[in-house]
C-alpha cells in the first residue's frame, strides 16, 4: 500500500473515530437509546483498530517511531490520555459533571494530537 493511501486511510479513520466519540458523548449525556444499538458498540472498535493499524504501518514506512521521535512520543502519550478521558466520559464517570468535563477535555487532547501530527512538533502552538 502506498504511503499516501495509508496516510489518507489514517486521517479518515481519525476523523471518523473523533466523530463517533463526539456523537457517543452527546448521546451519553442525553442518555439516548441509540447507545444500546449494536452498531454503536461495534463500529467504533473497527474504526479504532484500522486507525491503530494504519498508524503502526505509517511509522514503519516512514522510519519514525515513538520514543525515538519526540513528536510521535507526544502523540502517543496524548492518545493514551485521550483514551482514558474517553473511558471516563462514556463509561466510568460517576456524575454528569465528571462525564462532561472528561468529554470536553478529551476533545482538547484530540485537537492537540492533530496539531502535533500536522507540525511534527510536541509543542505545536
N, C-alpha and C. Protein backbone atom coordinates (compact mmCIF):
# COMPACT_ATOMS: atom_id res chain seq x y z
N UNK A 1 0.85 -1.17 0.00
CA UNK A 1 0.00 0.00 0.00
C UNK A 1 0.90 1.23 0.00
N UNK A 2 0.55 2.21 -0.80
CA UNK A 2 1.36 3.42 -0.89
C UNK A 2 1.24 4.25 0.39
N UNK A 3 2.28 5.03 0.63
CA UNK A 3 2.31 5.88 1.82
C UNK A 3 1.13 6.86 1.81
N UNK A 4 0.87 7.47 0.65
CA UNK A 4 -0.21 8.46 0.55
C UNK A 4 -1.57 7.82 0.83
N UNK A 5 -1.80 6.63 0.30
CA UNK A 5 -3.06 5.94 0.55
C UNK A 5 -3.20 5.58 2.03
N UNK A 6 -2.11 5.12 2.62
CA UNK A 6 -2.12 4.77 4.05
C UNK A 6 -2.37 6.01 4.92
N UNK A 7 -1.74 7.11 4.56
CA UNK A 7 -1.94 8.35 5.31
C UNK A 7 -3.39 8.83 5.19
N UNK A 8 -3.96 8.71 3.99
CA UNK A 8 -5.35 9.09 3.78
C UNK A 8 -6.28 8.21 4.62
N UNK A 9 -6.01 6.91 4.65
CA UNK A 9 -6.79 5.99 5.49
C UNK A 9 -6.68 6.39 6.96
N UNK A 10 -5.47 6.70 7.40
CA UNK A 10 -5.24 7.08 8.80
C UNK A 10 -6.01 8.35 9.16
N UNK A 11 -5.93 9.35 8.32
CA UNK A 11 -6.63 10.61 8.58
C UNK A 11 -8.14 10.40 8.56
N UNK A 12 -8.62 9.61 7.60
CA UNK A 12 -10.05 9.32 7.54
C UNK A 12 -10.55 8.58 8.77
N UNK A 13 -9.76 7.61 9.22
CA UNK A 13 -10.12 6.87 10.43
C UNK A 13 -10.09 7.77 11.67
N UNK A 14 -9.11 8.67 11.73
CA UNK A 14 -9.03 9.60 12.87
C UNK A 14 -10.26 10.51 12.90
N UNK A 15 -10.64 11.03 11.75
CA UNK A 15 -11.82 11.90 11.68
C UNK A 15 -13.09 11.13 12.04
N UNK A 16 -13.22 9.91 11.53
CA UNK A 16 -14.39 9.09 11.82
C UNK A 16 -14.42 8.71 13.30
N UNK A 17 -13.27 8.34 13.85
CA UNK A 17 -13.18 7.98 15.26
C UNK A 17 -13.61 9.16 16.14
N UNK A 18 -13.12 10.35 15.82
CA UNK A 18 -13.49 11.52 16.61
C UNK A 18 -14.98 11.81 16.48
N UNK A 19 -15.51 11.72 15.26
CA UNK A 19 -16.93 11.98 15.05
C UNK A 19 -17.78 11.01 15.87
N UNK A 20 -17.39 9.74 15.86
CA UNK A 20 -18.13 8.74 16.64
C UNK A 20 -18.02 9.02 18.14
N UNK A 21 -16.82 9.42 18.60
CA UNK A 21 -16.65 9.76 20.01
C UNK A 21 -17.52 10.96 20.38
N UNK A 22 -17.52 11.97 19.52
CA UNK A 22 -18.31 13.17 19.76
C UNK A 22 -19.80 12.81 19.87
N UNK A 23 -20.29 12.02 18.91
CA UNK A 23 -21.70 11.62 18.93
C UNK A 23 -22.03 10.77 20.14
N UNK A 24 -21.18 9.79 20.45
CA UNK A 24 -21.45 8.95 21.61
C UNK A 24 -21.45 9.77 22.89
N UNK A 25 -20.60 10.79 22.95
CA UNK A 25 -20.61 11.68 24.11
C UNK A 25 -21.92 12.43 24.24
N UNK A 26 -22.40 12.97 23.12
CA UNK A 26 -23.69 13.66 23.14
C UNK A 26 -24.81 12.70 23.54
N UNK A 27 -24.79 11.51 22.95
CA UNK A 27 -25.82 10.53 23.27
C UNK A 27 -25.75 10.10 24.74
N UNK A 28 -24.54 9.95 25.25
CA UNK A 28 -24.37 9.55 26.65
C UNK A 28 -24.89 10.63 27.59
N UNK A 29 -24.59 11.88 27.26
CA UNK A 29 -25.04 12.98 28.11
C UNK A 29 -26.56 13.11 28.10
N UNK A 30 -27.18 12.72 26.99
CA UNK A 30 -28.64 12.78 26.87
C UNK A 30 -29.31 11.43 27.17
N UNK A 31 -28.49 10.44 27.53
CA UNK A 31 -28.97 9.09 27.80
C UNK A 31 -29.87 8.57 26.67
N UNK A 32 -29.40 8.76 25.43
CA UNK A 32 -30.16 8.37 24.25
C UNK A 32 -30.19 6.85 24.07
N UNK A 33 -31.30 6.37 23.59
CA UNK A 33 -31.49 4.93 23.38
C UNK A 33 -30.55 4.38 22.30
N UNK A 34 -30.10 5.23 21.40
CA UNK A 34 -29.22 4.78 20.31
C UNK A 34 -27.94 4.13 20.84
N UNK A 35 -27.53 4.48 22.05
CA UNK A 35 -26.33 3.90 22.64
C UNK A 35 -26.44 2.39 22.84
N UNK A 36 -27.64 1.89 22.90
CA UNK A 36 -27.85 0.46 23.11
C UNK A 36 -27.88 -0.32 21.80
N UNK A 37 -27.81 0.38 20.69
CA UNK A 37 -27.81 -0.31 19.39
C UNK A 37 -26.47 -0.99 19.16
N UNK A 38 -26.53 -2.14 18.52
CA UNK A 38 -25.34 -2.97 18.33
C UNK A 38 -24.24 -2.25 17.55
N UNK A 39 -24.59 -1.53 16.50
CA UNK A 39 -23.57 -0.89 15.66
C UNK A 39 -22.78 0.15 16.44
N UNK A 40 -23.42 0.79 17.41
CA UNK A 40 -22.74 1.82 18.21
C UNK A 40 -21.66 1.20 19.08
N UNK A 41 -21.83 -0.06 19.41
CA UNK A 41 -20.84 -0.75 20.24
C UNK A 41 -19.74 -1.40 19.40
N UNK A 42 -20.00 -1.65 18.11
CA UNK A 42 -19.05 -2.38 17.27
C UNK A 42 -18.23 -1.45 16.36
N UNK A 43 -18.90 -0.55 15.66
CA UNK A 43 -18.23 0.28 14.65
C UNK A 43 -17.05 1.08 15.21
N UNK A 44 -17.17 1.72 16.37
CA UNK A 44 -16.01 2.47 16.88
C UNK A 44 -14.77 1.59 17.07
N UNK A 45 -14.96 0.35 17.49
CA UNK A 45 -13.82 -0.56 17.68
C UNK A 45 -13.16 -0.91 16.34
N UNK A 46 -13.98 -1.11 15.33
CA UNK A 46 -13.43 -1.40 14.00
C UNK A 46 -12.64 -0.21 13.48
N UNK A 47 -13.21 0.97 13.59
CA UNK A 47 -12.54 2.19 13.13
C UNK A 47 -11.24 2.42 13.90
N UNK A 48 -11.28 2.26 15.22
CA UNK A 48 -10.09 2.47 16.03
C UNK A 48 -9.00 1.44 15.75
N UNK A 49 -9.40 0.21 15.43
CA UNK A 49 -8.42 -0.81 15.05
C UNK A 49 -7.74 -0.45 13.75
N UNK A 50 -8.51 0.00 12.76
CA UNK A 50 -7.93 0.46 11.49
C UNK A 50 -7.03 1.68 11.71
N UNK A 51 -7.44 2.57 12.60
CA UNK A 51 -6.65 3.75 12.91
C UNK A 51 -5.29 3.35 13.51
N UNK A 52 -5.31 2.45 14.46
CA UNK A 52 -4.07 2.00 15.09
C UNK A 52 -3.18 1.24 14.11
N UNK A 53 -3.78 0.36 13.32
CA UNK A 53 -3.01 -0.40 12.33
C UNK A 53 -2.37 0.52 11.30
N UNK A 54 -3.11 1.51 10.84
CA UNK A 54 -2.53 2.45 9.86
C UNK A 54 -1.43 3.29 10.50
N UNK A 55 -1.57 3.62 11.79
CA UNK A 55 -0.52 4.39 12.48
C UNK A 55 0.77 3.59 12.57
N UNK A 56 0.65 2.32 12.92
CA UNK A 56 1.83 1.45 13.01
C UNK A 56 2.48 1.31 11.63
N UNK A 57 1.67 1.10 10.61
CA UNK A 57 2.20 0.96 9.25
C UNK A 57 2.88 2.24 8.79
N UNK A 58 2.30 3.39 9.10
CA UNK A 58 2.92 4.67 8.74
C UNK A 58 4.26 4.85 9.45
N UNK A 59 4.31 4.49 10.72
CA UNK A 59 5.57 4.60 11.47
C UNK A 59 6.65 3.73 10.84
N UNK A 60 6.29 2.53 10.48
CA UNK A 60 7.26 1.61 9.87
C UNK A 60 7.72 2.13 8.52
N UNK A 61 6.75 2.55 7.68
CA UNK A 61 7.11 3.05 6.34
C UNK A 61 7.95 4.32 6.38
N UNK A 62 7.67 5.19 7.35
CA UNK A 62 8.38 6.46 7.43
C UNK A 62 9.68 6.36 8.24
N UNK A 63 9.84 5.27 8.99
CA UNK A 63 11.02 5.12 9.83
C UNK A 63 11.02 6.05 11.02
N UNK A 64 9.83 6.48 11.45
CA UNK A 64 9.70 7.35 12.61
C UNK A 64 8.94 6.57 13.69
N UNK A 65 9.48 6.60 14.91
CA UNK A 65 8.93 5.76 15.96
C UNK A 65 8.78 6.53 17.27
N UNK A 66 7.74 6.17 18.08
CA UNK A 66 7.65 6.76 19.42
C UNK A 66 8.90 6.39 20.22
N UNK A 67 9.27 7.23 21.12
CA UNK A 67 10.44 7.10 21.98
C UNK A 67 11.75 7.32 21.22
N UNK A 68 11.66 7.56 19.92
CA UNK A 68 12.80 7.97 19.11
C UNK A 68 12.55 9.39 18.61
N UNK A 69 11.35 9.60 18.06
CA UNK A 69 10.95 10.91 17.56
C UNK A 69 10.02 11.56 18.59
N UNK A 70 10.41 12.74 19.06
CA UNK A 70 9.69 13.40 20.16
C UNK A 70 8.23 13.65 19.82
N UNK A 71 7.94 14.05 18.60
CA UNK A 71 6.55 14.36 18.26
C UNK A 71 5.68 13.11 18.31
N UNK A 72 6.21 11.96 17.91
CA UNK A 72 5.42 10.73 17.99
C UNK A 72 5.25 10.26 19.43
N UNK A 73 6.25 10.51 20.25
CA UNK A 73 6.13 10.18 21.67
C UNK A 73 5.03 11.03 22.30
N UNK A 74 5.02 12.32 21.98
CA UNK A 74 3.98 13.22 22.50
C UNK A 74 2.60 12.79 22.00
N UNK A 75 2.52 12.40 20.74
CA UNK A 75 1.26 11.98 20.16
C UNK A 75 0.75 10.70 20.85
N UNK A 76 1.64 9.76 21.10
CA UNK A 76 1.27 8.53 21.77
C UNK A 76 0.81 8.79 23.21
N UNK A 77 1.54 9.64 23.93
CA UNK A 77 1.16 9.97 25.31
C UNK A 77 -0.21 10.67 25.33
N UNK A 78 -0.41 11.58 24.39
CA UNK A 78 -1.70 12.26 24.32
C UNK A 78 -2.82 11.28 23.94
N UNK A 79 -2.51 10.32 23.09
CA UNK A 79 -3.51 9.32 22.72
C UNK A 79 -3.94 8.52 23.95
N UNK A 80 -3.00 8.13 24.78
CA UNK A 80 -3.34 7.39 26.00
C UNK A 80 -4.21 8.23 26.93
N UNK A 81 -3.89 9.52 27.04
CA UNK A 81 -4.72 10.43 27.84
C UNK A 81 -6.12 10.55 27.24
N UNK A 82 -6.20 10.68 25.92
CA UNK A 82 -7.48 10.77 25.21
C UNK A 82 -8.33 9.52 25.47
N UNK A 83 -7.72 8.36 25.40
CA UNK A 83 -8.44 7.11 25.65
C UNK A 83 -8.95 7.07 27.10
N UNK A 84 -8.10 7.45 28.04
CA UNK A 84 -8.51 7.48 29.45
C UNK A 84 -9.66 8.43 29.69
N UNK A 85 -9.57 9.61 29.13
CA UNK A 85 -10.66 10.58 29.28
C UNK A 85 -11.94 10.07 28.62
N UNK A 86 -11.78 9.39 27.49
CA UNK A 86 -12.93 8.82 26.81
C UNK A 86 -13.64 7.77 27.66
N UNK A 87 -12.86 6.91 28.32
CA UNK A 87 -13.45 5.92 29.23
C UNK A 87 -14.25 6.60 30.32
N UNK A 88 -13.70 7.65 30.89
CA UNK A 88 -14.41 8.37 31.95
C UNK A 88 -15.67 9.02 31.40
N UNK A 89 -15.55 9.67 30.24
CA UNK A 89 -16.69 10.38 29.66
C UNK A 89 -17.82 9.45 29.24
N UNK A 90 -17.47 8.30 28.69
CA UNK A 90 -18.51 7.43 28.13
C UNK A 90 -18.95 6.29 29.03
N UNK A 91 -18.12 5.94 30.01
CA UNK A 91 -18.46 4.74 30.77
C UNK A 91 -18.31 4.89 32.28
N UNK A 92 -17.18 5.41 32.74
CA UNK A 92 -16.87 5.33 34.17
C UNK A 92 -17.09 6.61 34.96
N UNK A 93 -17.50 7.69 34.31
CA UNK A 93 -17.76 8.93 35.04
C UNK A 93 -18.93 8.75 35.99
N UNK A 94 -18.71 9.10 37.25
CA UNK A 94 -19.73 8.84 38.26
C UNK A 94 -20.83 9.90 38.29
N UNK A 95 -20.54 11.06 37.76
CA UNK A 95 -21.55 12.12 37.73
C UNK A 95 -21.57 12.76 36.35
N UNK A 96 -22.65 13.47 36.08
CA UNK A 96 -22.78 14.17 34.81
C UNK A 96 -21.66 15.20 34.64
N UNK A 97 -21.31 15.89 35.71
CA UNK A 97 -20.25 16.90 35.65
C UNK A 97 -18.91 16.27 35.29
N UNK A 98 -18.60 15.14 35.86
CA UNK A 98 -17.35 14.44 35.56
C UNK A 98 -17.35 13.98 34.11
N UNK A 99 -18.47 13.44 33.65
CA UNK A 99 -18.55 12.97 32.26
C UNK A 99 -18.39 14.12 31.28
N UNK A 100 -19.07 15.23 31.53
CA UNK A 100 -18.99 16.39 30.63
C UNK A 100 -17.57 16.95 30.61
N UNK A 101 -16.97 17.12 31.77
CA UNK A 101 -15.62 17.70 31.80
C UNK A 101 -14.61 16.76 31.14
N UNK A 102 -14.77 15.47 31.32
CA UNK A 102 -13.87 14.50 30.66
C UNK A 102 -14.08 14.51 29.16
N UNK A 103 -15.32 14.60 28.72
CA UNK A 103 -15.64 14.64 27.29
C UNK A 103 -15.05 15.88 26.64
N UNK A 104 -15.18 17.03 27.30
CA UNK A 104 -14.61 18.27 26.77
C UNK A 104 -13.08 18.22 26.78
N UNK A 105 -12.50 17.71 27.85
CA UNK A 105 -11.04 17.60 27.93
C UNK A 105 -10.51 16.66 26.85
N UNK A 106 -11.22 15.58 26.59
CA UNK A 106 -10.80 14.65 25.53
C UNK A 106 -10.78 15.35 24.17
N UNK A 107 -11.72 16.24 23.94
CA UNK A 107 -11.75 16.97 22.67
C UNK A 107 -10.55 17.91 22.55
N UNK A 108 -10.16 18.53 23.64
CA UNK A 108 -8.97 19.38 23.64
C UNK A 108 -7.72 18.54 23.37
N UNK A 109 -7.63 17.38 23.99
CA UNK A 109 -6.50 16.48 23.77
C UNK A 109 -6.47 16.02 22.31
N UNK A 110 -7.62 15.72 21.74
CA UNK A 110 -7.67 15.32 20.33
C UNK A 110 -7.14 16.45 19.44
N UNK A 111 -7.53 17.68 19.72
CA UNK A 111 -7.04 18.82 18.95
C UNK A 111 -5.51 18.91 19.06
N UNK A 112 -4.99 18.68 20.25
CA UNK A 112 -3.53 18.67 20.44
C UNK A 112 -2.88 17.59 19.59
N UNK A 113 -3.46 16.39 19.58
CA UNK A 113 -2.92 15.29 18.78
C UNK A 113 -2.87 15.68 17.30
N UNK A 114 -3.93 16.30 16.81
CA UNK A 114 -3.97 16.73 15.40
C UNK A 114 -2.89 17.78 15.14
N UNK A 115 -2.74 18.73 16.03
CA UNK A 115 -1.71 19.77 15.84
C UNK A 115 -0.31 19.18 15.85
N UNK A 116 -0.06 18.25 16.75
CA UNK A 116 1.25 17.58 16.79
C UNK A 116 1.50 16.84 15.49
N UNK A 117 0.47 16.16 14.99
CA UNK A 117 0.60 15.41 13.73
C UNK A 117 0.88 16.34 12.55
N UNK A 118 0.25 17.47 12.52
CA UNK A 118 0.44 18.41 11.41
C UNK A 118 1.83 19.04 11.46
N UNK A 119 2.25 19.46 12.64
CA UNK A 119 3.51 20.22 12.78
C UNK A 119 4.73 19.35 13.08
N UNK A 120 4.50 18.08 13.42
CA UNK A 120 5.60 17.17 13.82
C UNK A 120 6.45 17.81 14.92
N UNK A 121 5.74 18.39 15.88
CA UNK A 121 6.39 19.09 16.99
C UNK A 121 5.56 18.86 18.24
N UNK A 122 6.17 18.42 19.35
CA UNK A 122 5.39 18.21 20.58
C UNK A 122 4.84 19.50 21.19
N UNK A 123 5.37 20.63 20.77
CA UNK A 123 4.86 21.94 21.20
C UNK A 123 4.39 22.71 19.98
N UNK A 124 3.25 22.35 19.43
CA UNK A 124 2.83 22.91 18.14
C UNK A 124 2.21 24.30 18.18
N UNK A 125 2.19 24.94 19.35
CA UNK A 125 1.48 26.20 19.49
C UNK A 125 2.34 27.37 19.07
